[in-house]
Amino acid sequence: MGSSEGRRATLMVYRNLFKAVKKHIGKEEHKAHFTDFSREEFKKNVNLEYPKDSSFIQQRINLAQNYTYLLNSIHHHKDLLFSYNIAVDRSNEMTKVLGKSATSVGLRLPDVYQH
């Protein structure tokens, strides 16, 4: 794998990781350490040379892919639990569904449902 091809592949893997972190963990201030940690790990690996450090780079790429897969899988599993009403608090999910339904017909939820 050439240097530019390797960098492109690495960037794609990290881009997918950042998307998963943003989507499944969120962007709130108290959750920023997930994104910060991922970004710092990426920055540490940017200046590595492919022929020389290819084994280490491949390990880091695999780690990022596995973490992305884990985040997506946990999110999917949680969605399944919600859909089957299995031991998961659904109040937030129901509020979202009710809010979307109300918004689609031009209404707002009563204050009882607002958080």
N, C-alpha and C. Protein backbone atom coordinates (compact mmCIF):
# COMPACT_ATOMS: atom_id res chain seq x y z
N MET A 1 0.85 -1.17 0.00
CA MET A 1 0.00 0.00 0.00
C MET A 1 0.89 1.23 0.00
N GLY A 2 0.61 2.15 -0.91
CA GLY A 2 1.40 3.36 -0.98
C GLY A 2 1.09 4.31 0.15
N SER A 3 1.96 5.30 0.28
CA SER A 3 1.81 6.26 1.37
C SER A 3 0.51 7.04 1.26
N SER A 4 0.18 7.54 0.06
CA SER A 4 -1.04 8.33 -0.09
C SER A 4 -2.28 7.46 0.05
N GLU A 5 -2.23 6.22 -0.45
CA GLU A 5 -3.36 5.30 -0.31
C GLU A 5 -3.58 4.95 1.16
N GLY A 6 -2.47 4.75 1.87
CA GLY A 6 -2.55 4.42 3.29
C GLY A 6 -3.13 5.56 4.09
N ARG A 7 -2.72 6.76 3.76
CA ARG A 7 -3.25 7.94 4.48
C ARG A 7 -4.74 8.11 4.20
N ARG A 8 -5.15 7.88 2.95
CA ARG A 8 -6.57 7.99 2.61
C ARG A 8 -7.40 6.96 3.38
N ALA A 9 -6.89 5.74 3.45
CA ALA A 9 -7.60 4.69 4.19
C ALA A 9 -7.68 5.03 5.67
N THR A 10 -6.59 5.53 6.22
CA THR A 10 -6.56 5.91 7.63
C THR A 10 -7.54 7.05 7.89
N LEU A 11 -7.55 8.04 7.02
CA LEU A 11 -8.48 9.16 7.19
C LEU A 11 -9.93 8.70 7.13
N MET A 12 -10.24 7.76 6.23
CA MET A 12 -11.60 7.26 6.13
C MET A 12 -12.01 6.52 7.40
N VAL A 13 -11.11 5.72 7.95
CA VAL A 13 -11.41 4.99 9.18
C VAL A 13 -11.66 5.96 10.32
N TYR A 14 -10.79 6.95 10.48
CA TYR A 14 -10.96 7.92 11.56
C TYR A 14 -12.19 8.79 11.34
N ARG A 15 -12.50 9.11 10.10
CA ARG A 15 -13.70 9.89 9.81
C ARG A 15 -14.94 9.11 10.26
N ASN A 16 -14.97 7.81 9.95
CA ASN A 16 -16.09 6.97 10.38
C ASN A 16 -16.17 6.90 11.90
N LEU A 17 -15.02 6.84 12.55
CA LEU A 17 -14.99 6.81 14.02
C LEU A 17 -15.57 8.11 14.59
N PHE A 18 -15.14 9.24 14.06
CA PHE A 18 -15.64 10.52 14.56
C PHE A 18 -17.14 10.67 14.32
N LYS A 19 -17.63 10.17 13.18
CA LYS A 19 -19.07 10.21 12.91
C LYS A 19 -19.83 9.37 13.93
N ALA A 20 -19.31 8.19 14.23
CA ALA A 20 -19.97 7.31 15.20
C ALA A 20 -19.97 7.92 16.59
N VAL A 21 -18.85 8.52 16.99
CA VAL A 21 -18.77 9.16 18.30
C VAL A 21 -19.77 10.31 18.36
N LYS A 22 -19.82 11.13 17.33
CA LYS A 22 -20.73 12.27 17.30
C LYS A 22 -22.18 11.81 17.32
N LYS A 23 -22.50 10.77 16.57
CA LYS A 23 -23.88 10.30 16.46
C LYS A 23 -24.34 9.57 17.72
N HIS A 24 -23.52 8.68 18.25
CA HIS A 24 -23.97 7.81 19.32
C HIS A 24 -23.63 8.29 20.72
N ILE A 25 -22.59 9.07 20.85
CA ILE A 25 -22.21 9.57 22.17
C ILE A 25 -22.70 10.99 22.34
N GLY A 26 -22.58 11.80 21.32
CA GLY A 26 -23.11 13.15 21.38
C GLY A 26 -22.02 14.20 21.43
N LYS A 27 -22.46 15.45 21.35
CA LYS A 27 -21.52 16.57 21.31
C LYS A 27 -21.57 17.41 22.59
N GLU A 28 -22.35 16.98 23.57
CA GLU A 28 -22.49 17.77 24.78
C GLU A 28 -21.14 17.97 25.46
N GLU A 29 -21.05 19.04 26.21
CA GLU A 29 -19.80 19.42 26.90
C GLU A 29 -19.28 18.31 27.81
N HIS A 30 -20.19 17.67 28.57
CA HIS A 30 -19.76 16.64 29.51
C HIS A 30 -19.36 15.33 28.84
N LYS A 31 -19.56 15.22 27.53
CA LYS A 31 -19.16 14.02 26.78
C LYS A 31 -17.99 14.28 25.84
N ALA A 32 -17.43 15.46 25.91
CA ALA A 32 -16.39 15.87 24.96
C ALA A 32 -15.12 15.04 25.09
N HIS A 33 -14.88 14.42 26.23
CA HIS A 33 -13.64 13.67 26.40
C HIS A 33 -13.53 12.49 25.43
N PHE A 34 -14.66 11.93 24.97
CA PHE A 34 -14.61 10.85 23.99
C PHE A 34 -14.03 11.36 22.67
N THR A 35 -14.55 12.48 22.21
CA THR A 35 -14.07 13.06 20.96
C THR A 35 -12.63 13.55 21.11
N ASP A 36 -12.33 14.19 22.23
CA ASP A 36 -10.98 14.69 22.47
C ASP A 36 -9.96 13.56 22.47
N PHE A 37 -10.28 12.46 23.14
CA PHE A 37 -9.36 11.33 23.19
C PHE A 37 -9.12 10.76 21.79
N SER A 38 -10.20 10.58 21.02
CA SER A 38 -10.08 10.04 19.66
C SER A 38 -9.24 10.96 18.79
N ARG A 39 -9.49 12.25 18.90
CA ARG A 39 -8.74 13.23 18.10
C ARG A 39 -7.26 13.22 18.46
N GLU A 40 -6.95 13.15 19.75
CA GLU A 40 -5.55 13.13 20.19
C GLU A 40 -4.84 11.86 19.69
N GLU A 41 -5.52 10.73 19.75
CA GLU A 41 -4.92 9.50 19.25
C GLU A 41 -4.64 9.60 17.76
N PHE A 42 -5.57 10.21 17.02
CA PHE A 42 -5.38 10.39 15.59
C PHE A 42 -4.19 11.31 15.32
N LYS A 43 -4.10 12.40 16.04
CA LYS A 43 -3.00 13.35 15.82
C LYS A 43 -1.64 12.72 16.11
N LYS A 44 -1.59 11.83 17.09
CA LYS A 44 -0.32 11.15 17.41
C LYS A 44 0.16 10.30 16.25
N ASN A 45 -0.79 9.76 15.47
CA ASN A 45 -0.45 8.82 14.42
C ASN A 45 -0.32 9.45 13.04
N VAL A 46 -0.58 10.74 12.92
CA VAL A 46 -0.55 11.40 11.62
C VAL A 46 0.84 11.39 10.99
N ASN A 47 1.88 11.58 11.78
CA ASN A 47 3.22 11.74 11.23
C ASN A 47 4.01 10.43 11.12
N LEU A 48 3.37 9.30 11.32
CA LEU A 48 4.07 8.03 11.18
C LEU A 48 4.30 7.74 9.70
N GLU A 49 5.36 7.04 9.41
CA GLU A 49 5.69 6.71 8.02
C GLU A 49 5.22 5.30 7.72
N TYR A 50 4.56 5.13 6.58
CA TYR A 50 3.94 3.86 6.27
C TYR A 50 4.90 2.69 6.12
N PRO A 51 5.92 2.76 5.33
CA PRO A 51 6.75 1.55 5.22
C PRO A 51 7.39 1.17 6.56
N LYS A 52 7.80 2.18 7.30
CA LYS A 52 8.55 1.93 8.53
C LYS A 52 7.63 1.47 9.67
N ASP A 53 6.49 2.11 9.84
CA ASP A 53 5.60 1.85 10.97
C ASP A 53 4.31 1.15 10.55
N SER A 54 4.32 0.40 9.48
CA SER A 54 3.07 -0.14 8.94
C SER A 54 2.36 -1.09 9.90
N SER A 55 3.09 -1.86 10.67
CA SER A 55 2.46 -2.79 11.61
C SER A 55 1.70 -2.02 12.70
N PHE A 56 2.34 -1.01 13.27
CA PHE A 56 1.70 -0.20 14.31
C PHE A 56 0.51 0.56 13.75
N ILE A 57 0.66 1.11 12.55
CA ILE A 57 -0.43 1.85 11.92
C ILE A 57 -1.62 0.92 11.68
N GLN A 58 -1.36 -0.28 11.21
CA GLN A 58 -2.44 -1.23 10.96
C GLN A 58 -3.17 -1.59 12.26
N GLN A 59 -2.43 -1.71 13.36
CA GLN A 59 -3.05 -1.98 14.65
C GLN A 59 -3.98 -0.83 15.06
N ARG A 60 -3.51 0.40 14.87
CA ARG A 60 -4.32 1.57 15.23
C ARG A 60 -5.56 1.67 14.34
N ILE A 61 -5.42 1.36 13.06
CA ILE A 61 -6.57 1.38 12.15
C ILE A 61 -7.58 0.32 12.59
N ASN A 62 -7.09 -0.87 12.91
CA ASN A 62 -7.99 -1.93 13.37
C ASN A 62 -8.70 -1.54 14.67
N LEU A 63 -7.97 -0.90 15.57
CA LEU A 63 -8.57 -0.45 16.82
C LEU A 63 -9.68 0.57 16.55
N ALA A 64 -9.43 1.51 15.66
CA ALA A 64 -10.45 2.52 15.32
C ALA A 64 -11.66 1.86 14.66
N GLN A 65 -11.43 0.90 13.76
CA GLN A 65 -12.54 0.20 13.12
C GLN A 65 -13.35 -0.59 14.14
N ASN A 66 -12.67 -1.27 15.04
CA ASN A 66 -13.36 -2.05 16.06
C ASN A 66 -14.17 -1.17 16.99
N TYR A 67 -13.62 -0.03 17.37
CA TYR A 67 -14.33 0.88 18.25
C TYR A 67 -15.56 1.45 17.54
N THR A 68 -15.42 1.78 16.26
CA THR A 68 -16.56 2.27 15.48
C THR A 68 -17.64 1.20 15.41
N TYR A 69 -17.23 -0.03 15.15
CA TYR A 69 -18.18 -1.14 15.09
C TYR A 69 -18.88 -1.34 16.43
N LEU A 70 -18.13 -1.22 17.52
CA LEU A 70 -18.70 -1.36 18.86
C LEU A 70 -19.75 -0.28 19.11
N LEU A 71 -19.42 0.97 18.82
CA LEU A 71 -20.38 2.07 19.03
C LEU A 71 -21.66 1.85 18.22
N ASN A 72 -21.50 1.49 16.95
CA ASN A 72 -22.67 1.26 16.10
C ASN A 72 -23.48 0.07 16.59
N SER A 73 -22.82 -0.98 17.04
CA SER A 73 -23.51 -2.18 17.51
C SER A 73 -24.27 -1.91 18.80
N ILE A 74 -23.66 -1.19 19.72
CA ILE A 74 -24.34 -0.86 20.97
C ILE A 74 -25.59 -0.03 20.68
N HIS A 75 -25.46 0.94 19.78
CA HIS A 75 -26.60 1.77 19.42
C HIS A 75 -27.72 0.92 18.80
N HIS A 76 -27.35 0.02 17.91
CA HIS A 76 -28.33 -0.86 17.27
C HIS A 76 -28.99 -1.77 18.31
N HIS A 77 -28.21 -2.31 19.23
CA HIS A 77 -28.75 -3.17 20.28
C HIS A 77 -29.73 -2.40 21.16
N LYS A 78 -29.38 -1.18 21.50
CA LYS A 78 -30.26 -0.35 22.32
C LYS A 78 -31.57 -0.08 21.58
N ASP A 79 -31.49 0.19 20.27
CA ASP A 79 -32.70 0.39 19.47
C ASP A 79 -33.58 -0.86 19.48
N LEU A 80 -32.96 -2.02 19.38
CA LEU A 80 -33.73 -3.26 19.43
C LEU A 80 -34.42 -3.42 20.79
N LEU A 81 -33.70 -3.12 21.86
CA LEU A 81 -34.30 -3.21 23.19
C LEU A 81 -35.48 -2.26 23.31
N PHE A 82 -35.33 -1.05 22.79
CA PHE A 82 -36.44 -0.09 22.81
C PHE A 82 -37.64 -0.65 22.04
N SER A 83 -37.38 -1.20 20.87
CA SER A 83 -38.49 -1.66 20.03
C SER A 83 -39.23 -2.84 20.64
N TYR A 84 -38.55 -3.64 21.45
CA TYR A 84 -39.20 -4.79 22.10
C TYR A 84 -39.58 -4.52 23.55
N ASN A 85 -39.42 -3.30 24.01
CA ASN A 85 -39.77 -2.92 25.39
C ASN A 85 -39.08 -3.80 26.43
N ILE A 86 -37.84 -4.09 26.25
CA ILE A 86 -37.13 -4.98 27.16
C ILE A 86 -36.27 -4.18 28.12
N ALA A 87 -36.70 -4.08 29.35
CA ALA A 87 -35.91 -3.55 30.47
C ALA A 87 -35.12 -2.28 30.16
N VAL A 88 -35.71 -1.40 29.41
CA VAL A 88 -35.06 -0.14 29.09
C VAL A 88 -36.07 0.97 29.33
N ASP A 89 -35.62 2.03 29.95
CA ASP A 89 -36.49 3.18 30.19
C ASP A 89 -36.83 3.83 28.85
N ARG A 90 -38.10 3.81 28.52
CA ARG A 90 -38.54 4.32 27.22
C ARG A 90 -39.12 5.73 27.30
N SER A 91 -39.08 6.37 28.44
CA SER A 91 -39.73 7.68 28.55
C SER A 91 -39.12 8.70 27.59
N ASN A 92 -37.79 8.73 27.48
CA ASN A 92 -37.16 9.67 26.55
C ASN A 92 -37.49 9.32 25.11
N GLU A 93 -37.47 8.04 24.80
CA GLU A 93 -37.78 7.60 23.44
C GLU A 93 -39.23 7.95 23.08
N MET A 94 -40.15 7.72 24.00
CA MET A 94 -41.55 8.03 23.74
C MET A 94 -41.76 9.54 23.58
N THR A 95 -41.05 10.32 24.37
CA THR A 95 -41.16 11.77 24.24
C THR A 95 -40.69 12.21 22.86
N LYS A 96 -39.61 11.62 22.36
CA LYS A 96 -39.12 11.94 21.01
C LYS A 96 -40.16 11.57 19.96
N VAL A 97 -40.74 10.36 20.08
CA VAL A 97 -41.73 9.91 19.11
C VAL A 97 -42.96 10.81 19.14
N LEU A 98 -43.43 11.13 20.34
CA LEU A 98 -44.59 12.02 20.45
C LEU A 98 -44.28 13.40 19.90
N GLY A 99 -43.06 13.89 20.17
CA GLY A 99 -42.66 15.20 19.66
C GLY A 99 -42.62 15.23 18.14
N LYS A 100 -42.08 14.17 17.54
CA LYS A 100 -42.03 14.10 16.08
C LYS A 100 -43.44 14.03 15.49
N SER A 101 -44.30 13.24 16.13
CA SER A 101 -45.68 13.12 15.66
C SER A 101 -46.40 14.46 15.75
N ALA A 102 -46.24 15.14 16.87
CA ALA A 102 -46.90 16.44 17.04
C ALA A 102 -46.35 17.46 16.04
N THR A 103 -45.04 17.46 15.85
CA THR A 103 -44.43 18.42 14.93
C THR A 103 -44.87 18.17 13.50
N SER A 104 -45.07 16.90 13.14
CA SER A 104 -45.44 16.59 11.76
C SER A 104 -46.82 17.13 11.39
N VAL A 105 -47.67 17.36 12.38
CA VAL A 105 -48.98 17.94 12.10
C VAL A 105 -49.08 19.39 12.55
N GLY A 106 -47.94 19.99 12.90
CA GLY A 106 -47.90 21.41 13.23
C GLY A 106 -48.27 21.75 14.66
N LEU A 107 -48.14 20.79 15.55
CA LEU A 107 -48.46 21.04 16.95
C LEU A 107 -47.21 20.93 17.82
N ARG A 108 -47.35 21.31 19.08
CA ARG A 108 -46.28 21.15 20.06
C ARG A 108 -46.77 20.26 21.18
N LEU A 109 -45.85 19.56 21.83
CA LEU A 109 -46.22 18.75 22.98
C LEU A 109 -46.62 19.65 24.15
N PRO A 110 -47.58 19.20 24.97
CA PRO A 110 -47.93 19.97 26.17
C PRO A 110 -46.72 20.05 27.11
N ASP A 111 -46.75 21.00 28.03
CA ASP A 111 -45.65 21.20 28.96
C ASP A 111 -45.36 19.96 29.80
N VAL A 112 -46.31 19.09 29.98
CA VAL A 112 -46.12 17.87 30.76
C VAL A 112 -45.01 17.02 30.17
N TYR A 113 -44.89 17.02 28.83
CA TYR A 113 -43.89 16.20 28.15
C TYR A 113 -42.57 16.90 27.92
N GLN A 114 -42.52 18.19 28.15
CA GLN A 114 -41.29 18.95 27.95
C GLN A 114 -40.33 18.71 29.10
N HIS A 115 -39.04 18.59 28.81
CA HIS A 115 -38.03 18.39 29.86
C HIS A 115 -37.24 19.65 30.03
